[in-house]
Amino acid sequence: MIDAEIARRKGLEKGLVADEQARIEYEVSAAIIPGQQALDRLLRYETHLSREMDRILNRLERLQRMRRGQPLPPRLDVNIS
């Protein structure tokens, strides 16, 4: 009877160790994912940088056309409010 109890407790201990490892892995994974405020901020930064890149590429294309003597399309600025 004692041997059976020892074996049962060892099985329980292994289960607890596995549960603890799973909990630690979950906490590590959850720590990697940023919160809602950080995600919103990252999206704003990404949008801003994307727009800046588009402006810079348009400006570069315009300058290259000027340097080559090619006709320039009219400048188009669209502001949506």
C-alpha atoms as a PDB file:
ATOM      1  CA  MET A   1       0.000   0.000   0.000  1.00  0.00           C
ATOM      2  CA  ILE A   2       2.847   2.378   0.801  1.00  0.00           C
ATOM      3  CA  ASP A   3       4.533   1.582  -2.506  1.00  0.00           C
ATOM      4  CA  ALA A   4       1.316   2.365  -4.365  1.00  0.00           C
ATOM      5  CA  GLU A   5       1.006   5.694  -2.559  1.00  0.00           C
ATOM      6  CA  ILE A   6       4.631   6.550  -3.347  1.00  0.00           C
ATOM      7  CA  ALA A   7       4.060   5.737  -7.015  1.00  0.00           C
ATOM      8  CA  ARG A   8       0.854   7.818  -7.056  1.00  0.00           C
ATOM      9  CA  ARG A   9       2.622  10.809  -5.507  1.00  0.00           C
ATOM     10  CA  LYS A  10       5.513  10.531  -7.972  1.00  0.00           C
ATOM     11  CA  GLY A  11       2.980  10.598 -10.813  1.00  0.00           C
ATOM     12  CA  LEU A  12       1.337  13.658  -9.292  1.00  0.00           C
ATOM     13  CA  GLU A  13       4.720  15.337  -8.920  1.00  0.00           C
ATOM     14  CA  LYS A  14       5.523  14.730 -12.602  1.00  0.00           C
ATOM     15  CA  GLY A  15       2.139  16.207 -13.530  1.00  0.00           C
ATOM     16  CA  LEU A  16       2.808  19.290 -11.398  1.00  0.00           C
ATOM     17  CA  VAL A  17       6.232  19.773 -12.970  1.00  0.00           C
ATOM     18  CA  ALA A  18       4.718  19.529 -16.456  1.00  0.00           C
ATOM     19  CA  ASP A  19       1.968  22.007 -15.510  1.00  0.00           C
ATOM     20  CA  GLU A  20       4.542  24.426 -14.085  1.00  0.00           C
ATOM     21  CA  GLN A  21       6.623  24.238 -17.266  1.00  0.00           C
ATOM     22  CA  ALA A  22       3.532  24.864 -19.393  1.00  0.00           C
ATOM     23  CA  ARG A  23       2.619  27.876 -17.211  1.00  0.00           C
ATOM     24  CA  ILE A  24       6.121  29.318 -17.554  1.00  0.00           C
ATOM     25  CA  GLU A  25       6.044  28.860 -21.349  1.00  0.00           C
ATOM     26  CA  TYR A  26       2.650  30.564 -21.471  1.00  0.00           C
ATOM     27  CA  GLU A  27       3.887  33.526 -19.413  1.00  0.00           C
ATOM     28  CA  VAL A  28       6.963  33.912 -21.616  1.00  0.00           C
ATOM     29  CA  SER A  29       4.805  33.808 -24.748  1.00  0.00           C
ATOM     30  CA  ALA A  30       2.355  36.310 -23.279  1.00  0.00           C
ATOM     31  CA  ALA A  31       5.199  38.678 -22.367  1.00  0.00           C
ATOM     32  CA  ILE A  32       6.350  38.767 -26.009  1.00  0.00           C
ATOM     33  CA  ILE A  33       3.001  40.055 -27.288  1.00  0.00           C
ATOM     34  CA  PRO A  34       2.735  43.809 -26.686  1.00  0.00           C
ATOM     35  CA  GLY A  35      -0.336  45.351 -25.094  1.00  0.00           C
ATOM     36  CA  GLN A  36      -3.082  47.198 -26.952  1.00  0.00           C
ATOM     37  CA  GLN A  37      -1.549  50.649 -26.386  1.00  0.00           C
ATOM     38  CA  ALA A  38       1.822  49.516 -27.692  1.00  0.00           C
ATOM     39  CA  LEU A  39       0.193  47.916 -30.742  1.00  0.00           C
ATOM     40  CA  ASP A  40      -1.730  51.122 -31.485  1.00  0.00           C
ATOM     41  CA  ARG A  41       1.465  53.144 -31.197  1.00  0.00           C
ATOM     42  CA  LEU A  42       3.333  50.737 -33.489  1.00  0.00           C
ATOM     43  CA  LEU A  43       0.567  50.957 -36.095  1.00  0.00           C
ATOM     44  CA  ARG A  44       0.663  54.768 -35.980  1.00  0.00           C
ATOM     45  CA  TYR A  45       4.441  54.750 -36.416  1.00  0.00           C
ATOM     46  CA  GLU A  46       4.193  52.269 -39.285  1.00  0.00           C
ATOM     47  CA  THR A  47       1.559  54.406 -41.021  1.00  0.00           C
ATOM     48  CA  HIS A  48       3.626  57.556 -40.541  1.00  0.00           C
ATOM     49  CA  LEU A  49       6.776  55.915 -41.894  1.00  0.00           C
ATOM     50  CA  SER A  50       4.903  54.474 -44.850  1.00  0.00           C
ATOM     51  CA  ARG A  51       3.572  57.913 -45.795  1.00  0.00           C
ATOM     52  CA  GLU A  52       7.000  59.479 -45.368  1.00  0.00           C
ATOM     53  CA  MET A  53       8.524  56.809 -47.586  1.00  0.00           C
ATOM     54  CA  ASP A  54       5.923  57.470 -50.283  1.00  0.00           C
ATOM     55  CA  ARG A  55       6.638  61.213 -50.138  1.00  0.00           C
ATOM     56  CA  ILE A  56      10.377  60.656 -50.341  1.00  0.00           C
ATOM     57  CA  LEU A  57      10.063  58.241 -53.270  1.00  0.00           C
ATOM     58  CA  ASN A  58       7.809  60.689 -55.131  1.00  0.00           C
ATOM     59  CA  ARG A  59      10.288  63.484 -54.482  1.00  0.00           C
ATOM     60  CA  LEU A  60      13.186  61.296 -55.649  1.00  0.00           C
ATOM     61  CA  GLU A  61      11.349  60.366 -58.830  1.00  0.00           C
ATOM     62  CA  ARG A  62      10.582  64.034 -59.484  1.00  0.00           C
ATOM     63  CA  LEU A  63      14.207  65.072 -58.931  1.00  0.00           C
ATOM     64  CA  GLN A  64      15.473  62.298 -61.212  1.00  0.00           C
ATOM     65  CA  ARG A  65      13.078  63.405 -63.970  1.00  0.00           C
ATOM     66  CA  MET A  66      14.276  66.993 -63.559  1.00  0.00           C
ATOM     67  CA  ARG A  67      17.913  65.867 -63.778  1.00  0.00           C
ATOM     68  CA  ARG A  68      17.223  63.813 -66.921  1.00  0.00           C
ATOM     69  CA  GLY A  69      15.261  66.644 -68.516  1.00  0.00           C
ATOM     70  CA  GLN A  70      12.080  64.620 -68.717  1.00  0.00           C
ATOM     71  CA  PRO A  71       8.693  66.293 -68.471  1.00  0.00           C
ATOM     72  CA  LEU A  72       7.369  66.534 -64.943  1.00  0.00           C
ATOM     73  CA  PRO A  73       3.817  65.558 -64.128  1.00  0.00           C
ATOM     74  CA  PRO A  74       1.956  68.251 -62.232  1.00  0.00           C
ATOM     75  CA  ARG A  75       2.436  68.100 -58.500  1.00  0.00           C
ATOM     76  CA  LEU A  76      -0.558  66.597 -56.775  1.00  0.00           C
ATOM     77  CA  ASP A  77      -1.188  67.218 -53.079  1.00  0.00           C
ATOM     78  CA  VAL A  78      -4.283  65.614 -51.657  1.00  0.00           C
ATOM     79  CA  ASN A  79      -5.322  66.332 -48.079  1.00  0.00           C
ATOM     80  CA  ILE A  80      -8.187  64.338 -46.688  1.00  0.00           C
ATOM     81  CA  SER A  81      -9.743  65.780 -43.572  1.00  0.00           C
END
